[in-house]
Every structure is written in C-alpha cells, then in structure tokens.
Amino acid sequence: MGTDVETGTERFTLGIPNLLDDIELVGLALGLFGIAEFMKSVNQYSEVNTRYSNVGLRDLRPSRDELRRSIPAMLRGTIIGSLCSLIPGTGPTIASFISYAAEKKVSMTPEKFGTGMIEGVACPEASTHSSVQGDFIPTMSLGIPGDAVMALILGALMIQGIVPGPQLIKEHPDIFWV
C-alpha cells in the first residue's frame, strides 16, 4: 500500500490521498491491540483495594531510623557510582547493579534484601545519580557515551561540528573548559 518506490505509482490507495504515505506497521499494531484491550475492559468493574490509598505527606518522608540506616549506604553507592562512571561505556544501570550487590554483601541481613529494605534502595539510587555526572568524562574525553543521554549529547555536539575525543582540548578548548 502507498507509493511504489521504483515507479512512483499509487498502489492499493483506493483513491484516498492519506494512504499515499503508507500505513506504519507499528502504529497499526498498537492501534489494533489498544482498541481490542479497550473494548475488552470498557464495561468491567473491579474492586479497588483502599488499604494504601489513605497516604499522607508524613508517610512519604523517611523516618530518623531510615535516614540513619541509609546514609552509609548512600555514601557507598556514591563512591561505587563515581568509580563505575569512569569506565567508558558503563552507565548508570551497571553502577546500580554493582552497588546493589556490594550493599547486599556488606549487609548484616542480606536475606531481607528484595523486601524494600532502605539500604537496598538507597545505595543503587545514589550510585545511579553519581554515575550520571561522571559519565560526562568518558563521553567528552574519549567519545564513548555511557548511556542514552550522553549519546544524545554526543550526537548534538557532532551535528555542530564538534567531535568529542582526545583532540577536543586542542581543537575546541573553549567548549572543553566550559
């Protein structure tokens, strides 16, 4: 359906101009599955568990005990994330997995990990956040992005004619030092 690539003639458009550009398979599949799911669930009712719906602002803040237990985990996660970010191409996901494994190894109660223990949440999150800042170093100095955001920055710089890598300091010192 659409316009023939070789001859430029219309194929299976039925005289509808909107079909000249073809129908995207992904859009068609998502639309069909979405409509089918909507039609299936439009008239169904289900009970809503209101046990957790009465949450106040005070419930969202960590307690003093949770803060006390999470500070050492956050410091370990920050160090692990910073070190992982210096390895070209790693990114925050790898730092998160490494810090979770390290925190589980140093914990006195590793069997409680996976149940929402604050140390198992704080350490990987801290490592993820510290890794994102450090990923900028290998991206700019070697031209190897660590995650999707750094790849976008790398692409944007290359579109502007700035090629990150070892020659960046010599060719564009103003951008490097900024």
C-alpha atoms as a PDB file:
ATOM      1  CA  MET A   1       0.000   0.000   0.000  1.00  0.00           C
ATOM      2  CA  GLY A   2       1.260   3.519  -0.738  1.00  0.00           C
ATOM      3  CA  THR A   3       3.529   4.803  -3.467  1.00  0.00           C
ATOM      4  CA  ASP A   4       5.700   2.357  -5.398  1.00  0.00           C
ATOM      5  CA  VAL A   5       9.371   3.075  -4.774  1.00  0.00           C
ATOM      6  CA  GLU A   6      10.546   2.293  -8.302  1.00  0.00           C
ATOM      7  CA  THR A   7       7.769   3.755 -10.470  1.00  0.00           C
ATOM      8  CA  GLY A   8       6.095   6.312  -8.191  1.00  0.00           C
ATOM      9  CA  THR A   9       2.614   4.986  -8.949  1.00  0.00           C
ATOM     10  CA  GLU A  10      -0.141   4.568  -6.396  1.00  0.00           C
ATOM     11  CA  ARG A  11      -0.747   1.054  -5.071  1.00  0.00           C
ATOM     12  CA  PHE A  12      -3.832  -0.034  -3.103  1.00  0.00           C
ATOM     13  CA  THR A  13      -4.700   3.530  -2.023  1.00  0.00           C
ATOM     14  CA  LEU A  14      -8.359   3.289  -3.141  1.00  0.00           C
ATOM     15  CA  GLY A  15      -8.165   6.933  -4.201  1.00  0.00           C
ATOM     16  CA  ILE A  16      -7.514   8.118  -0.613  1.00  0.00           C
ATOM     17  CA  PRO A  17      -4.616  10.624  -0.572  1.00  0.00           C
ATOM     18  CA  ASN A  18      -3.771   9.885   3.072  1.00  0.00           C
ATOM     19  CA  LEU A  19      -2.747   6.334   2.102  1.00  0.00           C
ATOM     20  CA  LEU A  20      -0.049   7.548  -0.314  1.00  0.00           C
ATOM     21  CA  ASP A  21       2.490   7.616   2.521  1.00  0.00           C
ATOM     22  CA  ASP A  22       1.768   4.031   3.558  1.00  0.00           C
ATOM     23  CA  ILE A  23       0.444   2.793   6.898  1.00  0.00           C
ATOM     24  CA  GLU A  24       3.041   2.300   9.604  1.00  0.00           C
ATOM     25  CA  LEU A  25       3.012  -1.264  10.883  1.00  0.00           C
ATOM     26  CA  VAL A  26       3.884  -0.257  14.454  1.00  0.00           C
ATOM     27  CA  GLY A  27       1.079   2.297  14.616  1.00  0.00           C
ATOM     28  CA  LEU A  28      -1.379  -0.159  13.129  1.00  0.00           C
ATOM     29  CA  ALA A  29      -0.441  -2.907  15.584  1.00  0.00           C
ATOM     30  CA  LEU A  30      -0.580  -0.598  18.600  1.00  0.00           C
ATOM     31  CA  GLY A  31      -3.930   0.765  17.484  1.00  0.00           C
ATOM     32  CA  LEU A  32      -5.437  -2.665  16.947  1.00  0.00           C
ATOM     33  CA  PHE A  33      -4.176  -4.056  20.256  1.00  0.00           C
ATOM     34  CA  GLY A  34      -5.139  -0.870  22.100  1.00  0.00           C
ATOM     35  CA  ILE A  35      -8.666  -0.870  20.707  1.00  0.00           C
ATOM     36  CA  ALA A  36      -9.069  -4.584  21.484  1.00  0.00           C
ATOM     37  CA  GLU A  37      -7.909  -4.082  25.082  1.00  0.00           C
ATOM     38  CA  PHE A  38     -10.173  -1.060  25.496  1.00  0.00           C
ATOM     39  CA  MET A  39     -13.194  -2.940  24.160  1.00  0.00           C
ATOM     40  CA  LYS A  40     -12.418  -5.879  26.428  1.00  0.00           C
ATOM     41  CA  SER A  41     -12.163  -3.839  29.608  1.00  0.00           C
ATOM     42  CA  VAL A  42     -14.591  -0.967  28.991  1.00  0.00           C
ATOM     43  CA  ASN A  43     -17.539  -2.443  30.908  1.00  0.00           C
ATOM     44  CA  GLN A  44     -15.700  -4.461  33.531  1.00  0.00           C
ATOM     45  CA  TYR A  45     -15.746  -3.397  37.156  1.00  0.00           C
ATOM     46  CA  SER A  46     -13.239  -4.497  39.755  1.00  0.00           C
ATOM     47  CA  GLU A  47     -12.855  -3.833  43.439  1.00  0.00           C
ATOM     48  CA  VAL A  48     -10.222  -1.287  44.409  1.00  0.00           C
ATOM     49  CA  ASN A  49      -8.145  -2.064  47.470  1.00  0.00           C
ATOM     50  CA  THR A  50      -8.255   1.133  49.556  1.00  0.00           C
ATOM     51  CA  ARG A  51      -5.775  -0.125  52.128  1.00  0.00           C
ATOM     52  CA  TYR A  52      -2.938   2.020  50.763  1.00  0.00           C
ATOM     53  CA  SER A  53      -4.987   4.904  49.385  1.00  0.00           C
ATOM     54  CA  ASN A  54      -5.000   6.926  52.605  1.00  0.00           C
ATOM     55  CA  VAL A  55      -1.362   8.042  52.481  1.00  0.00           C
ATOM     56  CA  GLY A  56      -0.402  11.392  53.937  1.00  0.00           C
ATOM     57  CA  LEU A  57       2.601  13.613  53.305  1.00  0.00           C
ATOM     58  CA  ARG A  58       4.205  12.474  56.547  1.00  0.00           C
ATOM     59  CA  ASP A  59       4.134   8.859  55.307  1.00  0.00           C
ATOM     60  CA  LEU A  60       6.254   9.778  52.271  1.00  0.00           C
ATOM     61  CA  ARG A  61       9.159  11.132  54.309  1.00  0.00           C
ATOM     62  CA  PRO A  62      11.725   8.702  55.716  1.00  0.00           C
ATOM     63  CA  SER A  63      11.893   8.281  59.475  1.00  0.00           C
ATOM     64  CA  ARG A  64      15.004   9.097  61.522  1.00  0.00           C
ATOM     65  CA  ASP A  65      15.884   5.413  61.724  1.00  0.00           C
ATOM     66  CA  GLU A  66      15.603   5.019  57.948  1.00  0.00           C
ATOM     67  CA  LEU A  67      17.795   8.079  57.402  1.00  0.00           C
ATOM     68  CA  ARG A  68      20.362   6.773  59.902  1.00  0.00           C
ATOM     69  CA  ARG A  69      20.486   3.399  58.135  1.00  0.00           C
ATOM     70  CA  SER A  70      20.558   4.849  54.618  1.00  0.00           C
ATOM     71  CA  ILE A  71      23.373   7.411  54.958  1.00  0.00           C
ATOM     72  CA  PRO A  72      26.243   4.843  54.936  1.00  0.00           C
ATOM     73  CA  ALA A  73      24.542   3.033  52.039  1.00  0.00           C
ATOM     74  CA  MET A  74      24.227   6.291  50.097  1.00  0.00           C
ATOM     75  CA  LEU A  75      27.908   7.071  50.654  1.00  0.00           C
ATOM     76  CA  ARG A  76      28.939   3.611  49.437  1.00  0.00           C
ATOM     77  CA  GLY A  77      26.635   3.937  46.445  1.00  0.00           C
ATOM     78  CA  THR A  78      28.054   7.356  45.575  1.00  0.00           C
ATOM     79  CA  ILE A  79      31.609   6.033  45.622  1.00  0.00           C
ATOM     80  CA  ILE A  80      30.713   2.945  43.554  1.00  0.00           C
ATOM     81  CA  GLY A  81      28.758   5.019  41.028  1.00  0.00           C
ATOM     82  CA  SER A  82      31.576   7.533  40.668  1.00  0.00           C
ATOM     83  CA  LEU A  83      34.112   4.789  40.060  1.00  0.00           C
ATOM     84  CA  CYS A  84      31.860   2.951  37.590  1.00  0.00           C
ATOM     85  CA  SER A  85      31.263   6.131  35.620  1.00  0.00           C
ATOM     86  CA  LEU A  86      34.955   6.494  34.883  1.00  0.00           C
ATOM     87  CA  ILE A  87      34.910   3.227  32.923  1.00  0.00           C
ATOM     88  CA  PRO A  88      33.937   4.127  29.350  1.00  0.00           C
ATOM     89  CA  GLY A  89      30.537   2.890  28.228  1.00  0.00           C
ATOM     90  CA  THR A  90      29.247   1.557  31.553  1.00  0.00           C
ATOM     91  CA  GLY A  91      26.465   3.962  32.523  1.00  0.00           C
ATOM     92  CA  PRO A  92      24.135   4.136  35.498  1.00  0.00           C
ATOM     93  CA  THR A  93      22.485   0.734  35.047  1.00  0.00           C
ATOM     94  CA  ILE A  94      25.687  -1.203  35.593  1.00  0.00           C
ATOM     95  CA  ALA A  95      26.591   1.028  38.553  1.00  0.00           C
ATOM     96  CA  SER A  96      23.201   0.315  40.092  1.00  0.00           C
ATOM     97  CA  PHE A  97      23.594  -3.471  39.816  1.00  0.00           C
ATOM     98  CA  ILE A  98      27.151  -3.408  41.181  1.00  0.00           C
ATOM     99  CA  SER A  99      26.196  -1.212  44.137  1.00  0.00           C
ATOM    100  CA  TYR A 100      23.192  -3.384  44.976  1.00  0.00           C
ATOM    101  CA  ALA A 101      25.388  -6.490  45.021  1.00  0.00           C
ATOM    102  CA  ALA A 102      28.035  -4.722  47.106  1.00  0.00           C
ATOM    103  CA  GLU A 103      25.459  -3.437  49.594  1.00  0.00           C
ATOM    104  CA  LYS A 104      23.940  -6.895  49.910  1.00  0.00           C
ATOM    105  CA  LYS A 105      27.397  -8.315  50.555  1.00  0.00           C
ATOM    106  CA  VAL A 106      28.247  -5.880  53.375  1.00  0.00           C
ATOM    107  CA  SER A 107      24.798  -6.069  54.988  1.00  0.00           C
ATOM    108  CA  MET A 108      24.265  -7.894  58.272  1.00  0.00           C
ATOM    109  CA  THR A 109      20.887  -9.126  56.998  1.00  0.00           C
ATOM    110  CA  PRO A 110      21.250  -9.918  53.283  1.00  0.00           C
ATOM    111  CA  GLU A 111      18.197 -12.193  53.365  1.00  0.00           C
ATOM    112  CA  LYS A 112      15.948  -9.115  53.805  1.00  0.00           C
ATOM    113  CA  PHE A 113      17.084  -7.590  50.523  1.00  0.00           C
ATOM    114  CA  GLY A 114      14.320  -7.598  47.944  1.00  0.00           C
ATOM    115  CA  THR A 115      11.651  -6.739  50.524  1.00  0.00           C
ATOM    116  CA  GLY A 116      12.023  -2.942  50.351  1.00  0.00           C
ATOM    117  CA  MET A 117      14.884  -2.605  52.806  1.00  0.00           C
ATOM    118  CA  ILE A 118      16.020   1.029  52.770  1.00  0.00           C
ATOM    119  CA  GLU A 119      19.699   0.173  52.259  1.00  0.00           C
ATOM    120  CA  GLY A 120      18.873  -1.868  49.152  1.00  0.00           C
ATOM    121  CA  VAL A 121      17.066   1.133  47.681  1.00  0.00           C
ATOM    122  CA  ALA A 122      19.346   3.995  48.781  1.00  0.00           C
ATOM    123  CA  CYS A 123      22.648   2.502  47.621  1.00  0.00           C
ATOM    124  CA  PRO A 124      21.665   1.762  43.989  1.00  0.00           C
ATOM    125  CA  GLU A 125      19.868   5.106  43.672  1.00  0.00           C
ATOM    126  CA  ALA A 126      22.893   7.014  44.954  1.00  0.00           C
ATOM    127  CA  SER A 127      25.169   5.122  42.586  1.00  0.00           C
ATOM    128  CA  THR A 128      22.861   5.824  39.640  1.00  0.00           C
ATOM    129  CA  HIS A 129      22.809   9.541  40.364  1.00  0.00           C
ATOM    130  CA  SER A 130      26.555   9.830  40.891  1.00  0.00           C
ATOM    131  CA  SER A 131      27.260   7.770  37.775  1.00  0.00           C
ATOM    132  CA  VAL A 132      25.291  10.103  35.527  1.00  0.00           C
ATOM    133  CA  GLN A 133      27.539  13.077  36.341  1.00  0.00           C
ATOM    134  CA  GLY A 134      30.691  11.039  35.922  1.00  0.00           C
ATOM    135  CA  ASP A 135      29.600   9.659  32.537  1.00  0.00           C
ATOM    136  CA  PHE A 136      30.322  13.047  31.047  1.00  0.00           C
ATOM    137  CA  ILE A 137      34.097  12.480  31.427  1.00  0.00           C
ATOM    138  CA  PRO A 138      34.490   9.447  29.108  1.00  0.00           C
ATOM    139  CA  THR A 139      31.949  10.948  26.714  1.00  0.00           C
ATOM    140  CA  MET A 140      33.912  14.166  26.267  1.00  0.00           C
ATOM    141  CA  SER A 141      37.447  12.793  26.574  1.00  0.00           C
ATOM    142  CA  LEU A 142      37.096   9.549  24.581  1.00  0.00           C
ATOM    143  CA  GLY A 143      33.839   9.992  22.692  1.00  0.00           C
ATOM    144  CA  ILE A 144      32.302   6.884  24.305  1.00  0.00           C
ATOM    145  CA  PRO A 145      28.846   7.544  25.811  1.00  0.00           C
ATOM    146  CA  GLY A 146      27.743   5.661  28.917  1.00  0.00           C
ATOM    147  CA  ASP A 147      24.002   5.988  28.470  1.00  0.00           C
ATOM    148  CA  ALA A 148      21.334   7.290  26.118  1.00  0.00           C
ATOM    149  CA  VAL A 149      21.545  10.876  27.369  1.00  0.00           C
ATOM    150  CA  MET A 150      25.293  11.013  26.774  1.00  0.00           C
ATOM    151  CA  ALA A 151      24.753   9.532  23.305  1.00  0.00           C
ATOM    152  CA  LEU A 152      22.295  12.338  22.556  1.00  0.00           C
ATOM    153  CA  ILE A 153      24.778  14.942  23.790  1.00  0.00           C
ATOM    154  CA  LEU A 154      27.479  13.299  21.691  1.00  0.00           C
ATOM    155  CA  GLY A 155      25.227  13.382  18.632  1.00  0.00           C
ATOM    156  CA  ALA A 156      24.272  17.019  19.242  1.00  0.00           C
ATOM    157  CA  LEU A 157      27.924  18.025  19.508  1.00  0.00           C
ATOM    158  CA  MET A 158      28.805  16.143  16.330  1.00  0.00           C
ATOM    159  CA  ILE A 159      25.966  17.846  14.461  1.00  0.00           C
ATOM    160  CA  GLN A 160      27.531  21.169  15.471  1.00  0.00           C
ATOM    161  CA  GLY A 161      30.897  20.011  14.085  1.00  0.00           C
ATOM    162  CA  ILE A 162      32.464  19.326  17.493  1.00  0.00           C
ATOM    163  CA  VAL A 163      33.867  15.812  17.732  1.00  0.00           C
ATOM    164  CA  PRO A 164      34.395  14.746  21.361  1.00  0.00           C
ATOM    165  CA  GLY A 165      37.543  12.789  21.936  1.00  0.00           C
ATOM    166  CA  PRO A 166      41.237  13.272  22.616  1.00  0.00           C
ATOM    167  CA  GLN A 167      41.516  16.183  20.148  1.00  0.00           C
ATOM    168  CA  LEU A 168      38.705  18.167  21.787  1.00  0.00           C
ATOM    169  CA  ILE A 169      41.065  20.071  24.114  1.00  0.00           C
ATOM    170  CA  LYS A 170      43.279  21.142  21.229  1.00  0.00           C
ATOM    171  CA  GLU A 171      40.562  21.938  18.678  1.00  0.00           C
ATOM    172  CA  HIS A 172      37.873  23.432  20.956  1.00  0.00           C
ATOM    173  CA  PRO A 173      39.439  24.441  24.289  1.00  0.00           C
ATOM    174  CA  ASP A 174      36.673  26.955  24.997  1.00  0.00           C
ATOM    175  CA  ILE A 175      33.993  24.253  24.943  1.00  0.00           C
ATOM    176  CA  PHE A 176      36.116  21.771  26.880  1.00  0.00           C
ATOM    177  CA  TRP A 177      36.826  24.129  29.764  1.00  0.00           C
ATOM    178  CA  VAL A 178      33.237  25.352  29.935  1.00  0.00           C
END
